[in-house]
Amino acid sequence: MMEGLLNFFVSNAYAAEVPMSQPGGGYSFLIMFAGFFILVYFAIWRPQSKRAKEQQALLSSIVKGDEVVTAGGMLGRVTKISDQYVGITVANNMEILLQKSCIVTVLPKGTLNQLNKL
């Protein structure tokens, strides 16, 4: 009686037969792998290298007098430039020395004067 009741709620499961040869063989794996590689290239590598090139172009175009924002959010005017370091005036008679890689963006001319008026 218990076995009949159990068979009513739980049916028997049978394994499906596996065909001897799979369609596509090893080519389907290679196609999926190539598709995944193309997806990763266009989603990660290409945009990252594009951003790196833009950052290098920004750092090489910095000249004295540019108004910049650092990675820490500090705003200042460039006063000295060397190969790897930049001197930035952040206040009257206050200059700091930073690595060039700390500069995130160059502001339009006159931005600091407008902010000082606030």
Foldseek 3Di string as FASTA:
>chain_A
DVVVVVCVVDPDDDDDDDDPDDPPHCNVVVVVVVVVVVVCCVPPVVVVVVVVVVLVVQLVPDDFQWWFAFQVGQIFGWHDDDDFKTWTDRDVVDIDIDGSSRTDHTDPPPPVVVVVVD
